[in-house]
Amino acid sequence: MESHPGKRGVGSDGSHAHVSIVVSRFNGLVTSRLLAGAQAALSSRGVRARRVVHCAGAWELPIVANSLAREEGTDAVVALGCVVRGDTPHFDYVAGEAARGIAQVALSTGVPVIFGVLTTDTIEQALARAAGRASNKGWEAALAALDTAAAVRVDEPETH
C-alpha cells in the first residue's frame, strides 16, 4: 500500500480532507443531481472538492478514480454514476464491473473510493435517489468519503 501525504491533517469529522469527485456524463439528468448533492454535503462539513472530473459512463469511473486516488494529497474519491436496467444483460456487466473496479482502486491505493453509483430498474427510481438532501445518494457518498478518510487518516508525525 502506498503512502498518501494528504491523509495528514484530516479531522476526525473529515474536515480538512482533500476529496476529489469523478462523475459520469451518461444519465446526466441524474448524475448532475448526485454531483450537486455531493458538493453540498462536502460544503456542509466545510470541505470543497479539490477536483471534479467528468467521464463518459460508469464503466470509466474506476480508471479515472484510480488516477485521482494516486494524486498526491488525495484523502478520498467519490465516484458518481447511474446505471439503469434495460432489456439486455449490459446492466449487469457495467454495474458489476464498476463496483469491482472502484473497490479495487480503494484497496490498491489505500485511499477511500466511495461507490456512489445508482443501479436502478427505472429512471424514475434513479431520480428519486438523486432528489433533495434527505434522499440524495451523492450526499450520502460524500459524507461516507469524509467519514472514511477520517477513519483511515495518518496522524501527522511529531517533530522535535
N, C-alpha and C. Protein backbone atom coordinates (compact mmCIF):
# COMPACT_ATOMS: atom_id res chain seq x y z
N MET A 1 0.84 -1.17 0.00
CA MET A 1 0.00 0.00 0.00
C MET A 1 0.89 1.24 0.00
N GLU A 2 0.49 2.24 -0.79
CA GLU A 2 1.27 3.46 -0.89
C GLU A 2 0.92 4.42 0.23
N SER A 3 1.83 5.32 0.52
CA SER A 3 1.57 6.38 1.49
C SER A 3 1.03 7.60 0.76
N HIS A 4 0.05 8.24 1.32
CA HIS A 4 -0.54 9.43 0.71
C HIS A 4 -0.50 10.56 1.72
N PRO A 5 0.37 11.55 1.51
CA PRO A 5 0.56 12.62 2.47
C PRO A 5 -0.70 13.41 2.81
N GLY A 6 -1.68 13.42 1.93
CA GLY A 6 -2.88 14.19 2.19
C GLY A 6 -3.66 13.73 3.40
N LYS A 7 -3.44 12.50 3.83
CA LYS A 7 -4.18 11.97 4.97
C LYS A 7 -3.81 12.69 6.26
N ARG A 8 -2.65 13.28 6.29
CA ARG A 8 -2.25 14.02 7.49
C ARG A 8 -3.12 15.27 7.58
N GLY A 9 -3.61 15.52 8.74
CA GLY A 9 -4.39 16.74 8.94
C GLY A 9 -5.88 16.58 8.74
N VAL A 10 -6.36 15.40 8.33
CA VAL A 10 -7.80 15.19 8.20
C VAL A 10 -8.38 15.14 9.60
N GLY A 11 -9.38 15.97 9.86
CA GLY A 11 -10.02 15.99 11.17
C GLY A 11 -10.84 14.74 11.41
N SER A 12 -11.16 14.47 12.64
CA SER A 12 -11.94 13.28 12.98
C SER A 12 -13.34 13.31 12.38
N ASP A 13 -13.79 14.49 11.95
CA ASP A 13 -15.09 14.62 11.29
C ASP A 13 -14.94 14.73 9.78
N GLY A 14 -13.73 14.52 9.28
CA GLY A 14 -13.48 14.63 7.85
C GLY A 14 -13.10 16.03 7.40
N SER A 15 -13.11 16.97 8.33
CA SER A 15 -12.73 18.33 7.95
C SER A 15 -11.28 18.34 7.48
N HIS A 16 -10.98 19.26 6.63
CA HIS A 16 -9.64 19.43 6.03
C HIS A 16 -9.28 18.32 5.05
N ALA A 17 -10.22 17.46 4.73
CA ALA A 17 -9.93 16.37 3.78
C ALA A 17 -9.84 16.92 2.36
N HIS A 18 -8.98 16.31 1.59
CA HIS A 18 -8.85 16.63 0.17
C HIS A 18 -9.60 15.55 -0.60
N VAL A 19 -10.78 15.92 -1.06
CA VAL A 19 -11.68 14.97 -1.72
C VAL A 19 -11.84 15.36 -3.18
N SER A 20 -11.71 14.38 -4.06
CA SER A 20 -11.98 14.58 -5.48
C SER A 20 -13.22 13.78 -5.86
N ILE A 21 -13.89 14.23 -6.91
CA ILE A 21 -15.12 13.58 -7.37
C ILE A 21 -14.97 13.24 -8.85
N VAL A 22 -15.33 12.02 -9.21
CA VAL A 22 -15.47 11.65 -10.62
C VAL A 22 -16.94 11.34 -10.85
N VAL A 23 -17.49 11.91 -11.91
CA VAL A 23 -18.92 11.75 -12.18
C VAL A 23 -19.11 11.42 -13.66
N SER A 24 -19.97 10.45 -13.92
CA SER A 24 -20.22 10.05 -15.30
C SER A 24 -21.24 11.00 -15.95
N ARG A 25 -21.06 11.19 -17.26
CA ARG A 25 -21.99 12.03 -18.02
C ARG A 25 -23.22 11.25 -18.47
N PHE A 26 -23.10 9.92 -18.58
CA PHE A 26 -24.24 9.11 -19.00
C PHE A 26 -25.33 9.20 -17.94
N ASN A 27 -26.56 9.35 -18.36
CA ASN A 27 -27.69 9.62 -17.46
C ASN A 27 -27.45 10.91 -16.69
N GLY A 28 -27.03 11.92 -17.43
CA GLY A 28 -26.64 13.20 -16.85
C GLY A 28 -27.71 13.91 -16.04
N LEU A 29 -28.96 13.70 -16.37
CA LEU A 29 -30.03 14.31 -15.58
C LEU A 29 -29.94 13.83 -14.13
N VAL A 30 -29.56 12.59 -13.95
CA VAL A 30 -29.43 12.01 -12.61
C VAL A 30 -28.07 12.35 -12.01
N THR A 31 -27.00 12.15 -12.78
CA THR A 31 -25.67 12.33 -12.21
C THR A 31 -25.36 13.78 -11.86
N SER A 32 -25.97 14.71 -12.58
CA SER A 32 -25.76 16.12 -12.21
C SER A 32 -26.37 16.41 -10.84
N ARG A 33 -27.46 15.75 -10.52
CA ARG A 33 -28.09 15.91 -9.20
C ARG A 33 -27.27 15.22 -8.11
N LEU A 34 -26.69 14.07 -8.45
CA LEU A 34 -25.80 13.39 -7.49
C LEU A 34 -24.60 14.28 -7.19
N LEU A 35 -24.04 14.90 -8.23
CA LEU A 35 -22.89 15.78 -8.05
C LEU A 35 -23.26 16.97 -7.16
N ALA A 36 -24.40 17.57 -7.42
CA ALA A 36 -24.84 18.71 -6.60
C ALA A 36 -25.01 18.29 -5.14
N GLY A 37 -25.56 17.10 -4.92
CA GLY A 37 -25.71 16.60 -3.56
C GLY A 37 -24.38 16.35 -2.89
N ALA A 38 -23.43 15.78 -3.63
CA ALA A 38 -22.11 15.52 -3.06
C ALA A 38 -21.40 16.81 -2.70
N GLN A 39 -21.46 17.79 -3.58
CA GLN A 39 -20.81 19.07 -3.30
C GLN A 39 -21.45 19.77 -2.12
N ALA A 40 -22.78 19.69 -2.00
CA ALA A 40 -23.47 20.30 -0.86
C ALA A 40 -23.08 19.60 0.45
N ALA A 41 -22.96 18.28 0.41
CA ALA A 41 -22.56 17.55 1.62
C ALA A 41 -21.16 17.93 2.06
N LEU A 42 -20.23 18.01 1.11
CA LEU A 42 -18.88 18.43 1.45
C LEU A 42 -18.89 19.83 2.06
N SER A 43 -19.64 20.71 1.44
CA SER A 43 -19.74 22.09 1.92
C SER A 43 -20.30 22.15 3.34
N SER A 44 -21.23 21.25 3.64
CA SER A 44 -21.83 21.23 4.98
C SER A 44 -20.79 20.91 6.06
N ARG A 45 -19.68 20.31 5.65
CA ARG A 45 -18.59 19.99 6.57
C ARG A 45 -17.39 20.92 6.37
N GLY A 46 -17.59 21.98 5.59
CA GLY A 46 -16.52 22.94 5.37
C GLY A 46 -15.45 22.48 4.40
N VAL A 47 -15.80 21.53 3.54
CA VAL A 47 -14.85 20.98 2.57
C VAL A 47 -15.34 21.32 1.16
N ARG A 48 -14.39 21.63 0.30
CA ARG A 48 -14.69 21.88 -1.11
C ARG A 48 -13.95 20.83 -1.92
N ALA A 49 -14.61 20.25 -2.91
CA ALA A 49 -13.96 19.24 -3.75
C ALA A 49 -12.73 19.85 -4.39
N ARG A 50 -11.60 19.18 -4.26
CA ARG A 50 -10.38 19.70 -4.87
C ARG A 50 -10.41 19.56 -6.37
N ARG A 51 -11.05 18.50 -6.86
CA ARG A 51 -11.21 18.31 -8.31
C ARG A 51 -12.53 17.62 -8.58
N VAL A 52 -13.17 18.02 -9.67
CA VAL A 52 -14.35 17.33 -10.19
C VAL A 52 -14.03 16.98 -11.63
N VAL A 53 -14.05 15.70 -11.93
CA VAL A 53 -13.71 15.22 -13.26
C VAL A 53 -14.89 14.44 -13.82
N HIS A 54 -15.24 14.72 -15.06
CA HIS A 54 -16.33 14.01 -15.72
C HIS A 54 -15.75 12.93 -16.62
N CYS A 55 -16.47 11.82 -16.71
CA CYS A 55 -16.08 10.75 -17.63
C CYS A 55 -17.33 10.30 -18.38
N ALA A 56 -17.16 9.43 -19.34
CA ALA A 56 -18.27 9.03 -20.20
C ALA A 56 -19.39 8.32 -19.44
N GLY A 57 -19.05 7.25 -18.73
CA GLY A 57 -20.08 6.47 -18.07
C GLY A 57 -19.53 5.72 -16.87
N ALA A 58 -20.34 4.85 -16.31
CA ALA A 58 -19.95 4.10 -15.11
C ALA A 58 -18.77 3.17 -15.38
N TRP A 59 -18.67 2.64 -16.58
CA TRP A 59 -17.56 1.75 -16.92
C TRP A 59 -16.21 2.45 -16.76
N GLU A 60 -16.17 3.74 -17.04
CA GLU A 60 -14.93 4.51 -16.99
C GLU A 60 -14.61 5.05 -15.60
N LEU A 61 -15.53 4.98 -14.67
CA LEU A 61 -15.30 5.52 -13.33
C LEU A 61 -14.05 4.95 -12.65
N PRO A 62 -13.81 3.63 -12.68
CA PRO A 62 -12.64 3.11 -11.96
C PRO A 62 -11.29 3.66 -12.45
N ILE A 63 -11.10 3.80 -13.75
CA ILE A 63 -9.81 4.27 -14.24
C ILE A 63 -9.58 5.73 -13.86
N VAL A 64 -10.62 6.53 -13.91
CA VAL A 64 -10.48 7.94 -13.51
C VAL A 64 -10.30 8.04 -12.00
N ALA A 65 -11.06 7.23 -11.25
CA ALA A 65 -10.90 7.22 -9.79
C ALA A 65 -9.49 6.81 -9.40
N ASN A 66 -8.92 5.86 -10.12
CA ASN A 66 -7.55 5.42 -9.86
C ASN A 66 -6.57 6.58 -10.05
N SER A 67 -6.74 7.33 -11.11
CA SER A 67 -5.86 8.47 -11.37
C SER A 67 -5.99 9.51 -10.27
N LEU A 68 -7.22 9.80 -9.86
CA LEU A 68 -7.44 10.79 -8.79
C LEU A 68 -6.89 10.31 -7.46
N ALA A 69 -7.08 9.04 -7.15
CA ALA A 69 -6.62 8.49 -5.87
C ALA A 69 -5.10 8.53 -5.77
N ARG A 70 -4.42 8.45 -6.87
CA ARG A 70 -2.96 8.43 -6.88
C ARG A 70 -2.34 9.84 -6.89
N GLU A 71 -3.18 10.87 -7.01
CA GLU A 71 -2.65 12.23 -6.94
C GLU A 71 -2.20 12.53 -5.52
N GLU A 72 -1.05 13.12 -5.40
CA GLU A 72 -0.51 13.43 -4.08
C GLU A 72 -1.49 14.29 -3.29
N GLY A 73 -1.70 13.90 -2.05
CA GLY A 73 -2.56 14.67 -1.16
C GLY A 73 -4.02 14.29 -1.17
N THR A 74 -4.42 13.35 -2.02
CA THR A 74 -5.83 12.96 -2.06
C THR A 74 -6.16 12.10 -0.85
N ASP A 75 -7.22 12.48 -0.14
CA ASP A 75 -7.67 11.73 1.04
C ASP A 75 -8.83 10.80 0.71
N ALA A 76 -9.63 11.14 -0.29
CA ALA A 76 -10.77 10.30 -0.67
C ALA A 76 -11.24 10.70 -2.07
N VAL A 77 -11.90 9.75 -2.72
CA VAL A 77 -12.50 9.99 -4.03
C VAL A 77 -13.95 9.52 -3.95
N VAL A 78 -14.85 10.30 -4.54
CA VAL A 78 -16.25 9.91 -4.65
C VAL A 78 -16.51 9.63 -6.13
N ALA A 79 -17.01 8.43 -6.43
CA ALA A 79 -17.34 8.04 -7.80
C ALA A 79 -18.85 8.02 -7.95
N LEU A 80 -19.37 8.86 -8.84
CA LEU A 80 -20.82 9.02 -9.01
C LEU A 80 -21.24 8.60 -10.41
N GLY A 81 -22.30 7.81 -10.48
CA GLY A 81 -22.81 7.38 -11.77
C GLY A 81 -24.21 6.84 -11.63
N CYS A 82 -24.76 6.42 -12.76
CA CYS A 82 -26.12 5.88 -12.76
C CYS A 82 -26.24 4.86 -13.88
N VAL A 83 -26.60 3.64 -13.50
CA VAL A 83 -26.83 2.57 -14.47
C VAL A 83 -28.27 2.11 -14.30
N VAL A 84 -29.06 2.24 -15.37
CA VAL A 84 -30.47 1.85 -15.34
C VAL A 84 -30.63 0.55 -16.13
N ARG A 85 -31.32 -0.40 -15.51
CA ARG A 85 -31.51 -1.71 -16.14
C ARG A 85 -32.28 -1.54 -17.45
N GLY A 86 -31.85 -2.25 -18.44
CA GLY A 86 -32.55 -2.28 -19.73
C GLY A 86 -33.01 -3.69 -20.03
N ASP A 87 -33.18 -3.97 -21.31
CA ASP A 87 -33.66 -5.29 -21.72
C ASP A 87 -32.53 -6.26 -22.02
N THR A 88 -31.28 -5.83 -21.83
CA THR A 88 -30.13 -6.69 -22.13
C THR A 88 -29.30 -6.88 -20.87
N PRO A 89 -28.38 -7.83 -20.87
CA PRO A 89 -27.52 -8.05 -19.70
C PRO A 89 -26.45 -6.97 -19.52
N HIS A 90 -26.43 -5.97 -20.38
CA HIS A 90 -25.46 -4.88 -20.30
C HIS A 90 -25.40 -4.28 -18.89
N PHE A 91 -26.55 -4.10 -18.27
CA PHE A 91 -26.64 -3.55 -16.92
C PHE A 91 -25.77 -4.33 -15.94
N ASP A 92 -25.90 -5.66 -15.97
CA ASP A 92 -25.16 -6.49 -15.02
C ASP A 92 -23.66 -6.35 -15.19
N TYR A 93 -23.20 -6.31 -16.41
CA TYR A 93 -21.77 -6.18 -16.67
C TYR A 93 -21.25 -4.81 -16.22
N VAL A 94 -21.95 -3.77 -16.63
CA VAL A 94 -21.48 -2.42 -16.32
C VAL A 94 -21.52 -2.16 -14.82
N ALA A 95 -22.63 -2.44 -14.18
CA ALA A 95 -22.77 -2.18 -12.74
C ALA A 95 -21.77 -3.02 -11.94
N GLY A 96 -21.67 -4.29 -12.26
CA GLY A 96 -20.77 -5.17 -11.53
C GLY A 96 -19.31 -4.80 -11.69
N GLU A 97 -18.91 -4.50 -12.91
CA GLU A 97 -17.50 -4.15 -13.15
C GLU A 97 -17.16 -2.77 -12.58
N ALA A 98 -18.11 -1.86 -12.60
CA ALA A 98 -17.86 -0.54 -11.99
C ALA A 98 -17.64 -0.72 -10.48
N ALA A 99 -18.47 -1.51 -9.85
CA ALA A 99 -18.34 -1.76 -8.41
C ALA A 99 -17.01 -2.45 -8.10
N ARG A 100 -16.68 -3.48 -8.86
CA ARG A 100 -15.43 -4.21 -8.64
C ARG A 100 -14.23 -3.31 -8.86
N GLY A 101 -14.26 -2.53 -9.93
CA GLY A 101 -13.14 -1.65 -10.23
C GLY A 101 -12.93 -0.57 -9.19
N ILE A 102 -14.01 0.01 -8.71
CA ILE A 102 -13.91 1.05 -7.68
C ILE A 102 -13.35 0.47 -6.39
N ALA A 103 -13.83 -0.71 -6.01
CA ALA A 103 -13.30 -1.36 -4.80
C ALA A 103 -11.82 -1.68 -4.96
N GLN A 104 -11.44 -2.14 -6.14
CA GLN A 104 -10.04 -2.48 -6.40
C GLN A 104 -9.14 -1.25 -6.26
N VAL A 105 -9.61 -0.11 -6.76
CA VAL A 105 -8.82 1.12 -6.65
C VAL A 105 -8.60 1.47 -5.18
N ALA A 106 -9.65 1.40 -4.39
CA ALA A 106 -9.53 1.73 -2.96
C ALA A 106 -8.53 0.80 -2.28
N LEU A 107 -8.64 -0.47 -2.54
CA LEU A 107 -7.76 -1.43 -1.88
C LEU A 107 -6.31 -1.33 -2.36
N SER A 108 -6.11 -1.03 -3.62
CA SER A 108 -4.74 -0.97 -4.15
C SER A 108 -4.03 0.33 -3.79
N THR A 109 -4.78 1.39 -3.55
CA THR A 109 -4.15 2.68 -3.23
C THR A 109 -4.19 3.01 -1.76
N GLY A 110 -5.11 2.41 -1.01
CA GLY A 110 -5.29 2.77 0.39
C GLY A 110 -6.07 4.06 0.57
N VAL A 111 -6.57 4.61 -0.52
CA VAL A 111 -7.38 5.82 -0.48
C VAL A 111 -8.85 5.41 -0.57
N PRO A 112 -9.69 5.88 0.33
CA PRO A 112 -11.11 5.56 0.23
C PRO A 112 -11.69 6.04 -1.10
N VAL A 113 -12.31 5.13 -1.83
CA VAL A 113 -13.03 5.46 -3.06
C VAL A 113 -14.45 4.97 -2.86
N ILE A 114 -15.36 5.91 -2.79
CA ILE A 114 -16.74 5.60 -2.42
C ILE A 114 -17.60 5.36 -3.65
N PHE A 115 -18.34 4.27 -3.61
CA PHE A 115 -19.22 3.85 -4.72
C PHE A 115 -20.55 4.59 -4.62
N GLY A 116 -20.67 5.66 -5.37
CA GLY A 116 -21.90 6.44 -5.41
C GLY A 116 -22.61 6.24 -6.73
N VAL A 117 -22.71 5.00 -7.16
CA VAL A 117 -23.32 4.67 -8.44
C VAL A 117 -24.70 4.08 -8.18
N LEU A 118 -25.70 4.73 -8.72
CA LEU A 118 -27.06 4.21 -8.60
C LEU A 118 -27.24 3.06 -9.59
N THR A 119 -27.83 1.98 -9.14
CA THR A 119 -28.16 0.85 -10.00
C THR A 119 -29.65 0.60 -9.80
N THR A 120 -30.44 1.05 -10.76
CA THR A 120 -31.90 1.02 -10.60
C THR A 120 -32.56 0.32 -11.78
N ASP A 121 -33.82 -0.01 -11.59
CA ASP A 121 -34.59 -0.63 -12.67
C ASP A 121 -35.17 0.41 -13.61
N THR A 122 -35.44 1.62 -13.10
CA THR A 122 -36.06 2.65 -13.93
C THR A 122 -35.39 4.00 -13.69
N ILE A 123 -35.56 4.89 -14.64
CA ILE A 123 -35.02 6.25 -14.49
C ILE A 123 -35.76 6.98 -13.37
N GLU A 124 -37.02 6.66 -13.15
CA GLU A 124 -37.78 7.27 -12.06
C GLU A 124 -37.19 6.92 -10.70
N GLN A 125 -36.78 5.67 -10.54
CA GLN A 125 -36.13 5.26 -9.29
C GLN A 125 -34.82 6.02 -9.11
N ALA A 126 -34.08 6.18 -10.18
CA ALA A 126 -32.81 6.90 -10.11
C ALA A 126 -33.03 8.36 -9.71
N LEU A 127 -34.00 8.99 -10.32
CA LEU A 127 -34.30 10.40 -10.00
C LEU A 127 -34.72 10.55 -8.54
N ALA A 128 -35.48 9.58 -8.02
CA ALA A 128 -35.90 9.64 -6.62
C ALA A 128 -34.69 9.54 -5.69
N ARG A 129 -33.65 8.81 -6.09
CA ARG A 129 -32.46 8.64 -5.25
C ARG A 129 -31.45 9.77 -5.44
N ALA A 130 -31.77 10.67 -6.36
CA ALA A 130 -30.90 11.83 -6.60
C ALA A 130 -31.63 13.13 -6.30
N ALA A 131 -32.71 13.01 -5.53
CA ALA A 131 -33.54 14.18 -5.23
C ALA A 131 -32.92 14.99 -4.10
N GLY A 132 -33.74 15.64 -3.31
CA GLY A 132 -33.28 16.52 -2.24
C GLY A 132 -32.33 15.87 -1.27
N ARG A 133 -31.85 16.66 -0.38
CA ARG A 133 -30.80 16.29 0.57
C ARG A 133 -31.09 14.97 1.31
N ALA A 134 -32.30 14.77 1.75
CA ALA A 134 -32.62 13.60 2.57
C ALA A 134 -32.48 12.29 1.80
N SER A 135 -32.68 12.31 0.49
CA SER A 135 -32.63 11.06 -0.27
C SER A 135 -31.56 11.07 -1.36
N ASN A 136 -30.69 12.05 -1.38
CA ASN A 136 -29.68 12.15 -2.43
C ASN A 136 -28.49 11.25 -2.09
N LYS A 137 -28.26 10.26 -2.94
CA LYS A 137 -27.18 9.30 -2.69
C LYS A 137 -25.81 9.92 -2.96
N GLY A 138 -25.75 11.01 -3.70
CA GLY A 138 -24.49 11.74 -3.86
C GLY A 138 -24.09 12.38 -2.54
N TRP A 139 -25.06 12.93 -1.84
CA TRP A 139 -24.84 13.50 -0.50
C TRP A 139 -24.28 12.41 0.42
N GLU A 140 -24.95 11.26 0.44
CA GLU A 140 -24.52 10.16 1.30
C GLU A 140 -23.12 9.68 0.96
N ALA A 141 -22.80 9.60 -0.33
CA ALA A 141 -21.47 9.14 -0.75
C ALA A 141 -20.38 10.11 -0.30
N ALA A 142 -20.65 11.40 -0.40
CA ALA A 142 -19.66 12.40 0.02
C ALA A 142 -19.41 12.33 1.52
N LEU A 143 -20.48 12.18 2.30
CA LEU A 143 -20.29 12.05 3.76
C LEU A 143 -19.55 10.77 4.10
N ALA A 144 -19.83 9.70 3.37
CA ALA A 144 -19.10 8.45 3.58
C ALA A 144 -17.62 8.63 3.27
N ALA A 145 -17.31 9.43 2.25
CA ALA A 145 -15.91 9.70 1.90
C ALA A 145 -15.21 10.44 3.04
N LEU A 146 -15.87 11.43 3.59
CA LEU A 146 -15.27 12.19 4.70
C LEU A 146 -15.08 11.31 5.93
N ASP A 147 -16.10 10.53 6.25
CA ASP A 147 -16.01 9.65 7.42
C ASP A 147 -14.93 8.60 7.25
N THR A 148 -14.83 8.05 6.05
CA THR A 148 -13.82 7.01 5.82
C THR A 148 -12.42 7.61 5.78
N ALA A 149 -12.28 8.79 5.19
CA ALA A 149 -10.97 9.46 5.19
C ALA A 149 -10.51 9.72 6.62
N ALA A 150 -11.44 10.12 7.48
CA ALA A 150 -11.10 10.36 8.88
C ALA A 150 -10.71 9.05 9.58
N ALA A 151 -11.40 7.98 9.24
CA ALA A 151 -11.14 6.69 9.89
C ALA A 151 -9.78 6.11 9.52
N VAL A 152 -9.31 6.40 8.31
CA VAL A 152 -8.04 5.82 7.86
C VAL A 152 -6.91 6.84 7.83
N ARG A 153 -7.16 7.99 8.39
CA ARG A 153 -6.15 9.06 8.33
C ARG A 153 -4.85 8.65 9.01
N VAL A 154 -3.80 9.25 8.55
CA VAL A 154 -2.48 9.06 9.13
C VAL A 154 -2.17 10.32 9.92
N ASP A 155 -1.98 10.18 11.20
CA ASP A 155 -1.69 11.36 12.02
C ASP A 155 -0.34 11.95 11.66
N GLU A 156 -0.28 13.26 11.71
CA GLU A 156 0.96 13.99 11.42
C GLU A 156 2.03 13.57 12.41
N PRO A 157 3.20 13.15 11.92
CA PRO A 157 4.26 12.77 12.86
C PRO A 157 4.72 13.97 13.66
N GLU A 158 5.03 13.71 14.91
CA GLU A 158 5.52 14.79 15.77
C GLU A 158 6.97 15.10 15.40
N THR A 159 7.29 16.39 15.43
CA THR A 159 8.68 16.79 15.18
C THR A 159 9.20 17.46 16.44
N HIS A 160 10.42 17.17 16.77
CA HIS A 160 11.02 17.74 17.99
C HIS A 160 12.19 18.57 17.63
